[in-house]
Amino acid sequence: MKLLDAIIFSVALALMVVGIHQTMVLGIGFSYSLFMFAVGLLFWFQLRRNKARESGESQPKKPVKRDKPLKKR
């Protein structure tokens, strides 16, 4: 996980916690925007993670060349 992904995920979780608190104190009408921003950030995080996973799979893996033969036990 890259730094930007960690920041996006952390901010989304923080907005969820603040939204839950505001829901208990003021009601769902006042915290609706917090939940929508949190859901938007979670979608963005998932999109970035899927793109990173796809780009990692598209690159073929190179075989590892060994200079020394394997030791027999």
PDB file of N, CA and C in Angstrom:
ATOM      1  N   MET A   1       0.851  -1.169   0.000  1.00  0.00           N
ATOM      2  CA  MET A   1       0.000   0.000   0.000  1.00  0.00           C
ATOM      3  C   MET A   1       0.895   1.229   0.000  1.00  0.00           C
ATOM      4  N   LYS A   2       0.603   2.111  -0.928  1.00  0.00           N
ATOM      5  CA  LYS A   2       1.387   3.335  -1.037  1.00  0.00           C
ATOM      6  C   LYS A   2       0.891   4.366  -0.030  1.00  0.00           C
ATOM      7  N   LEU A   3       1.678   5.419   0.124  1.00  0.00           N
ATOM      8  CA  LEU A   3       1.357   6.447   1.106  1.00  0.00           C
ATOM      9  C   LEU A   3       0.022   7.116   0.807  1.00  0.00           C
ATOM     10  N   LEU A   4      -0.233   7.449  -0.460  1.00  0.00           N
ATOM     11  CA  LEU A   4      -1.490   8.106  -0.810  1.00  0.00           C
ATOM     12  C   LEU A   4      -2.680   7.187  -0.530  1.00  0.00           C
ATOM     13  N   ASP A   5      -2.526   5.901  -0.799  1.00  0.00           N
ATOM     14  CA  ASP A   5      -3.602   4.956  -0.496  1.00  0.00           C
ATOM     15  C   ASP A   5      -3.877   4.903   1.006  1.00  0.00           C
ATOM     16  N   ALA A   6      -2.829   4.900   1.800  1.00  0.00           N
ATOM     17  CA  ALA A   6      -2.996   4.875   3.253  1.00  0.00           C
ATOM     18  C   ALA A   6      -3.676   6.150   3.752  1.00  0.00           C
ATOM     19  N   ILE A   7      -3.332   7.285   3.157  1.00  0.00           N
ATOM     20  CA  ILE A   7      -3.945   8.554   3.565  1.00  0.00           C
ATOM     21  C   ILE A   7      -5.418   8.575   3.190  1.00  0.00           C
ATOM     22  N   ILE A   8      -5.738   8.129   1.973  1.00  0.00           N
ATOM     23  CA  ILE A   8      -7.140   8.103   1.531  1.00  0.00           C
ATOM     24  C   ILE A   8      -7.965   7.221   2.449  1.00  0.00           C
ATOM     25  N   PHE A   9      -7.446   6.035   2.748  1.00  0.00           N
ATOM     26  CA  PHE A   9      -8.176   5.101   3.600  1.00  0.00           C
ATOM     27  C   PHE A   9      -8.338   5.651   5.018  1.00  0.00           C
ATOM     28  N   SER A  10      -7.290   6.272   5.549  1.00  0.00           N
ATOM     29  CA  SER A  10      -7.359   6.834   6.901  1.00  0.00           C
ATOM     30  C   SER A  10      -8.363   7.972   6.999  1.00  0.00           C
ATOM     31  N   VAL A  11      -8.365   8.836   6.001  1.00  0.00           N
ATOM     32  CA  VAL A  11      -9.315   9.961   6.014  1.00  0.00           C
ATOM     33  C   VAL A  11     -10.745   9.443   5.888  1.00  0.00           C
ATOM     34  N   ALA A  12     -10.954   8.416   5.067  1.00  0.00           N
ATOM     35  CA  ALA A  12     -12.291   7.840   4.926  1.00  0.00           C
ATOM     36  C   ALA A  12     -12.770   7.251   6.249  1.00  0.00           C
ATOM     37  N   LEU A  13     -11.897   6.536   6.945  1.00  0.00           N
ATOM     38  CA  LEU A  13     -12.287   5.978   8.242  1.00  0.00           C
ATOM     39  C   LEU A  13     -12.546   7.075   9.278  1.00  0.00           C
ATOM     40  N   ALA A  14     -11.728   8.122   9.248  1.00  0.00           N
ATOM     41  CA  ALA A  14     -11.943   9.234  10.187  1.00  0.00           C
ATOM     42  C   ALA A  14     -13.277   9.921   9.912  1.00  0.00           C
ATOM     43  N   LEU A  15     -13.619  10.105   8.637  1.00  0.00           N
ATOM     44  CA  LEU A  15     -14.914  10.718   8.306  1.00  0.00           C
ATOM     45  C   LEU A  15     -16.075   9.827   8.744  1.00  0.00           C
ATOM     46  N   MET A  16     -15.911   8.515   8.655  1.00  0.00           N
ATOM     47  CA  MET A  16     -16.962   7.607   9.116  1.00  0.00           C
ATOM     48  C   MET A  16     -17.173   7.743  10.630  1.00  0.00           C
ATOM     49  N   VAL A  17     -16.070   7.809  11.373  1.00  0.00           N
ATOM     50  CA  VAL A  17     -16.169   7.938  12.826  1.00  0.00           C
ATOM     51  C   VAL A  17     -16.818   9.268  13.199  1.00  0.00           C
ATOM     52  N   VAL A  18     -16.394  10.347  12.549  1.00  0.00           N
ATOM     53  CA  VAL A  18     -16.989  11.661  12.834  1.00  0.00           C
ATOM     54  C   VAL A  18     -18.457  11.666  12.425  1.00  0.00           C
ATOM     55  N   GLY A  19     -18.776  11.029  11.304  1.00  0.00           N
ATOM     56  CA  GLY A  19     -20.166  10.946  10.857  1.00  0.00           C
ATOM     57  C   GLY A  19     -21.047  10.190  11.836  1.00  0.00           C
ATOM     58  N   ILE A  20     -20.524   9.102  12.372  1.00  0.00           N
ATOM     59  CA  ILE A  20     -21.290   8.343  13.376  1.00  0.00           C
ATOM     60  C   ILE A  20     -21.522   9.184  14.620  1.00  0.00           C
ATOM     61  N   HIS A  21     -20.482   9.903  15.048  1.00  0.00           N
ATOM     62  CA  HIS A  21     -20.648  10.770  16.222  1.00  0.00           C
ATOM     63  C   HIS A  21     -21.686  11.865  15.956  1.00  0.00           C
ATOM     64  N   GLN A  22     -21.593  12.493  14.796  1.00  0.00           N
ATOM     65  CA  GLN A  22     -22.544  13.557  14.467  1.00  0.00           C
ATOM     66  C   GLN A  22     -23.967  13.015  14.323  1.00  0.00           C
ATOM     67  N   THR A  23     -24.100  11.774  13.853  1.00  0.00           N
ATOM     68  CA  THR A  23     -25.421  11.165  13.758  1.00  0.00           C
ATOM     69  C   THR A  23     -26.033  10.991  15.138  1.00  0.00           C
ATOM     70  N   MET A  24     -25.221  10.557  16.099  1.00  0.00           N
ATOM     71  CA  MET A  24     -25.741  10.357  17.458  1.00  0.00           C
ATOM     72  C   MET A  24     -26.076  11.678  18.131  1.00  0.00           C
ATOM     73  N   VAL A  25     -25.325  12.739  17.810  1.00  0.00           N
ATOM     74  CA  VAL A  25     -25.531  14.024  18.477  1.00  0.00           C
ATOM     75  C   VAL A  25     -26.608  14.861  17.780  1.00  0.00           C
ATOM     76  N   LEU A  26     -26.496  15.003  16.442  1.00  0.00           N
ATOM     77  CA  LEU A  26     -27.365  15.933  15.723  1.00  0.00           C
ATOM     78  C   LEU A  26     -28.402  15.263  14.827  1.00  0.00           C
ATOM     79  N   GLY A  27     -28.142  14.050  14.408  1.00  0.00           N
ATOM     80  CA  GLY A  27     -29.065  13.360  13.509  1.00  0.00           C
ATOM     81  C   GLY A  27     -28.420  13.108  12.151  1.00  0.00           C
ATOM     82  N   ILE A  28     -29.051  12.239  11.391  1.00  0.00           N
ATOM     83  CA  ILE A  28     -28.485  11.798  10.116  1.00  0.00           C
ATOM     84  C   ILE A  28     -28.463  12.921   9.079  1.00  0.00           C
ATOM     85  N   GLY A  29     -29.359  13.866   9.167  1.00  0.00           N
ATOM     86  CA  GLY A  29     -29.404  14.960   8.194  1.00  0.00           C
ATOM     87  C   GLY A  29     -28.154  15.817   8.218  1.00  0.00           C
ATOM     88  N   PHE A  30     -27.564  16.004   9.389  1.00  0.00           N
ATOM     89  CA  PHE A  30     -26.377  16.844   9.511  1.00  0.00           C
ATOM     90  C   PHE A  30     -25.093  16.089   9.170  1.00  0.00           C
ATOM     91  N   SER A  31     -25.136  14.766   9.235  1.00  0.00           N
ATOM     92  CA  SER A  31     -23.923  13.989   8.989  1.00  0.00           C
ATOM     93  C   SER A  31     -23.925  13.292   7.631  1.00  0.00           C
ATOM     94  N   TYR A  32     -24.951  13.513   6.838  1.00  0.00           N
ATOM     95  CA  TYR A  32     -25.070  12.849   5.543  1.00  0.00           C
ATOM     96  C   TYR A  32     -23.883  13.160   4.632  1.00  0.00           C
ATOM     97  N   SER A  33     -23.471  14.420   4.594  1.00  0.00           N
ATOM     98  CA  SER A  33     -22.363  14.801   3.710  1.00  0.00           C
ATOM     99  C   SER A  33     -21.053  14.131   4.133  1.00  0.00           C
ATOM    100  N   LEU A  34     -20.858  13.960   5.434  1.00  0.00           N
ATOM    101  CA  LEU A  34     -19.655  13.261   5.901  1.00  0.00           C
ATOM    102  C   LEU A  34     -19.635  11.821   5.405  1.00  0.00           C
ATOM    103  N   PHE A  35     -20.774  11.156   5.474  1.00  0.00           N
ATOM    104  CA  PHE A  35     -20.849   9.776   4.996  1.00  0.00           C
ATOM    105  C   PHE A  35     -20.620   9.702   3.490  1.00  0.00           C
ATOM    106  N   MET A  36     -21.139  10.665   2.749  1.00  0.00           N
ATOM    107  CA  MET A  36     -20.967  10.642   1.295  1.00  0.00           C
ATOM    108  C   MET A  36     -19.502  10.875   0.911  1.00  0.00           C
ATOM    109  N   PHE A  37     -18.821  11.789   1.604  1.00  0.00           N
ATOM    110  CA  PHE A  37     -17.397  11.983   1.342  1.00  0.00           C
ATOM    111  C   PHE A  37     -16.611  10.724   1.690  1.00  0.00           C
ATOM    112  N   ALA A  38     -16.965  10.067   2.798  1.00  0.00           N
ATOM    113  CA  ALA A  38     -16.274   8.843   3.196  1.00  0.00           C
ATOM    114  C   ALA A  38     -16.483   7.734   2.169  1.00  0.00           C
ATOM    115  N   VAL A  39     -17.698   7.588   1.676  1.00  0.00           N
ATOM    116  CA  VAL A  39     -17.980   6.560   0.668  1.00  0.00           C
ATOM    117  C   VAL A  39     -17.247   6.882  -0.633  1.00  0.00           C
ATOM    118  N   GLY A  40     -17.199   8.145  -1.003  1.00  0.00           N
ATOM    119  CA  GLY A  40     -16.461   8.545  -2.201  1.00  0.00           C
ATOM    120  C   GLY A  40     -14.977   8.233  -2.084  1.00  0.00           C
ATOM    121  N   LEU A  41     -14.400   8.503  -0.914  1.00  0.00           N
ATOM    122  CA  LEU A  41     -12.988   8.181  -0.711  1.00  0.00           C
ATOM    123  C   LEU A  41     -12.745   6.678  -0.720  1.00  0.00           C
ATOM    124  N   LEU A  42     -13.675   5.909  -0.182  1.00  0.00           N
ATOM    125  CA  LEU A  42     -13.526   4.453  -0.210  1.00  0.00           C
ATOM    126  C   LEU A  42     -13.602   3.915  -1.636  1.00  0.00           C
ATOM    127  N   PHE A  43     -14.479   4.488  -2.470  1.00  0.00           N
ATOM    128  CA  PHE A  43     -14.533   4.098  -3.874  1.00  0.00           C
ATOM    129  C   PHE A  43     -13.225   4.448  -4.582  1.00  0.00           C
ATOM    130  N   TRP A  44     -12.689   5.631  -4.302  1.00  0.00           N
ATOM    131  CA  TRP A  44     -11.435   6.051  -4.911  1.00  0.00           C
ATOM    132  C   TRP A  44     -10.292   5.127  -4.494  1.00  0.00           C
ATOM    133  N   PHE A  45     -10.266   4.770  -3.202  1.00  0.00           N
ATOM    134  CA  PHE A  45      -9.252   3.849  -2.690  1.00  0.00           C
ATOM    135  C   PHE A  45      -9.342   2.495  -3.396  1.00  0.00           C
ATOM    136  N   GLN A  46     -10.552   1.969  -3.555  1.00  0.00           N
ATOM    137  CA  GLN A  46     -10.755   0.687  -4.218  1.00  0.00           C
ATOM    138  C   GLN A  46     -10.339   0.765  -5.693  1.00  0.00           C
ATOM    139  N   LEU A  47     -10.648   1.865  -6.349  1.00  0.00           N
ATOM    140  CA  LEU A  47     -10.266   2.047  -7.747  1.00  0.00           C
ATOM    141  C   LEU A  47      -8.747   2.051  -7.903  1.00  0.00           C
ATOM    142  N   ARG A  48      -8.058   2.771  -7.045  1.00  0.00           N
ATOM    143  CA  ARG A  48      -6.595   2.818  -7.092  1.00  0.00           C
ATOM    144  C   ARG A  48      -5.993   1.450  -6.816  1.00  0.00           C
ATOM    145  N   ARG A  49      -6.569   0.736  -5.864  1.00  0.00           N
ATOM    146  CA  ARG A  49      -6.049  -0.589  -5.524  1.00  0.00           C
ATOM    147  C   ARG A  49      -6.249  -1.574  -6.674  1.00  0.00           C
ATOM    148  N   ASN A  50      -7.399  -1.526  -7.335  1.00  0.00           N
ATOM    149  CA  ASN A  50      -7.654  -2.411  -8.469  1.00  0.00           C
ATOM    150  C   ASN A  50      -6.746  -2.087  -9.649  1.00  0.00           C
ATOM    151  N   LYS A  51      -6.505  -0.790  -9.905  1.00  0.00           N
ATOM    152  CA  LYS A  51      -5.608  -0.414 -10.997  1.00  0.00           C
ATOM    153  C   LYS A  51      -4.186  -0.876 -10.717  1.00  0.00           C
ATOM    154  N   ALA A  52      -3.742  -0.765  -9.480  1.00  0.00           N
ATOM    155  CA  ALA A  52      -2.399  -1.215  -9.119  1.00  0.00           C
ATOM    156  C   ALA A  52      -2.294  -2.731  -9.261  1.00  0.00           C
ATOM    157  N   ARG A  53      -3.327  -3.435  -8.882  1.00  0.00           N
ATOM    158  CA  ARG A  53      -3.327  -4.893  -8.993  1.00  0.00           C
ATOM    159  C   ARG A  53      -3.312  -5.318 -10.457  1.00  0.00           C
ATOM    160  N   GLU A  54      -4.081  -4.635 -11.320  1.00  0.00           N
ATOM    161  CA  GLU A  54      -4.108  -4.960 -12.738  1.00  0.00           C
ATOM    162  C   GLU A  54      -2.762  -4.675 -13.407  1.00  0.00           C
ATOM    163  N   SER A  55      -2.136  -3.570 -13.076  1.00  0.00           N
ATOM    164  CA  SER A  55      -0.852  -3.252 -13.691  1.00  0.00           C
ATOM    165  C   SER A  55       0.232  -4.216 -13.219  1.00  0.00           C
ATOM    166  N   GLY A  56       0.117  -4.719 -12.023  1.00  0.00           N
ATOM    167  CA  GLY A  56       1.073  -5.708 -11.526  1.00  0.00           C
ATOM    168  C   GLY A  56       0.904  -7.049 -12.190  1.00  0.00           C
ATOM    169  N   GLU A  57      -0.320  -7.426 -12.536  1.00  0.00           N
ATOM    170  CA  GLU A  57      -0.569  -8.708 -13.180  1.00  0.00           C
ATOM    171  C   GLU A  57      -0.212  -8.673 -14.656  1.00  0.00           C
ATOM    172  N   SER A  58      -0.301  -7.510 -15.303  1.00  0.00           N
ATOM    173  CA  SER A  58      -0.054  -7.428 -16.736  1.00  0.00           C
ATOM    174  C   SER A  58       1.430  -7.564 -17.063  1.00  0.00           C
ATOM    175  N   GLN A  59       2.311  -7.251 -16.125  1.00  0.00           N
ATOM    176  CA  GLN A  59       3.733  -7.375 -16.374  1.00  0.00           C
ATOM    177  C   GLN A  59       4.150  -8.828 -16.147  1.00  0.00           C
ATOM    178  N   PRO A  60       4.760  -9.453 -17.157  1.00  0.00           N
ATOM    179  CA  PRO A  60       5.167 -10.847 -16.971  1.00  0.00           C
ATOM    180  C   PRO A  60       6.296 -10.954 -15.958  1.00  0.00           C
ATOM    181  N   LYS A  61       6.269 -12.012 -15.194  1.00  0.00           N
ATOM    182  CA  LYS A  61       7.307 -12.213 -14.189  1.00  0.00           C
ATOM    183  C   LYS A  61       8.524 -12.832 -14.854  1.00  0.00           C
ATOM    184  N   LYS A  62       9.676 -12.325 -14.518  1.00  0.00           N
ATOM    185  CA  LYS A  62      10.914 -12.823 -15.097  1.00  0.00           C
ATOM    186  C   LYS A  62      11.424 -13.990 -14.254  1.00  0.00           C
ATOM    187  N   PRO A  63      11.921 -15.025 -14.899  1.00  0.00           N
ATOM    188  CA  PRO A  63      12.476 -16.129 -14.122  1.00  0.00           C
ATOM    189  C   PRO A  63      13.764 -15.696 -13.429  1.00  0.00           C
ATOM    190  N   VAL A  64      13.998 -16.253 -12.276  1.00  0.00           N
ATOM    191  CA  VAL A  64      15.169 -15.900 -11.493  1.00  0.00           C
ATOM    192  C   VAL A  64      16.316 -16.791 -11.935  1.00  0.00           C
ATOM    193  N   LYS A  65      17.437 -16.168 -12.291  1.00  0.00           N
ATOM    194  CA  LYS A  65      18.616 -16.935 -12.661  1.00  0.00           C
ATOM    195  C   LYS A  65      19.489 -17.104 -11.430  1.00  0.00           C
ATOM    196  N   ARG A  66      19.911 -18.327 -11.233  1.00  0.00           N
ATOM    197  CA  ARG A  66      20.784 -18.602 -10.098  1.00  0.00           C
ATOM    198  C   ARG A  66      22.209 -18.754 -10.604  1.00  0.00           C
ATOM    199  N   ASP A  67      23.134 -18.073  -9.939  1.00  0.00           N
ATOM    200  CA  ASP A  67      24.540 -18.179 -10.309  1.00  0.00           C
ATOM    201  C   ASP A  67      25.136 -19.479  -9.776  1.00  0.00           C
ATOM    202  N   LYS A  68      24.702 -19.865  -8.597  1.00  0.00           N
ATOM    203  CA  LYS A  68      25.236 -21.053  -7.955  1.00  0.00           C
ATOM    204  C   LYS A  68      24.195 -22.168  -8.020  1.00  0.00           C
ATOM    205  N   PRO A  69      24.627 -23.389  -8.159  1.00  0.00           N
ATOM    206  CA  PRO A  69      23.650 -24.490  -8.128  1.00  0.00           C
ATOM    207  C   PRO A  69      23.115 -24.665  -6.709  1.00  0.00           C
ATOM    208  N   LEU A  70      21.941 -25.262  -6.625  1.00  0.00           N
ATOM    209  CA  LEU A  70      21.352 -25.504  -5.306  1.00  0.00           C
ATOM    210  C   LEU A  70      22.181 -26.518  -4.545  1.00  0.00           C
ATOM    211  N   LYS A  71      22.307 -26.290  -3.253  1.00  0.00           N
ATOM    212  CA  LYS A  71      23.071 -27.211  -2.399  1.00  0.00           C
ATOM    213  C   LYS A  71      22.231 -28.432  -2.090  1.00  0.00           C
ATOM    214  N   LYS A  72      22.850 -29.581  -2.130  1.00  0.00           N
ATOM    215  CA  LYS A  72      22.162 -30.800  -1.743  1.00  0.00           C
ATOM    216  C   LYS A  72      22.289 -30.988  -0.249  1.00  0.00           C
ATOM    217  N   ARG A  73      21.250 -31.496   0.347  1.00  0.00           N
ATOM    218  CA  ARG A  73      21.284 -31.706   1.796  1.00  0.00           C
ATOM    219  C   ARG A  73      21.494 -33.139   2.102  1.00  0.00           C
TER     220      ARG A  73
END
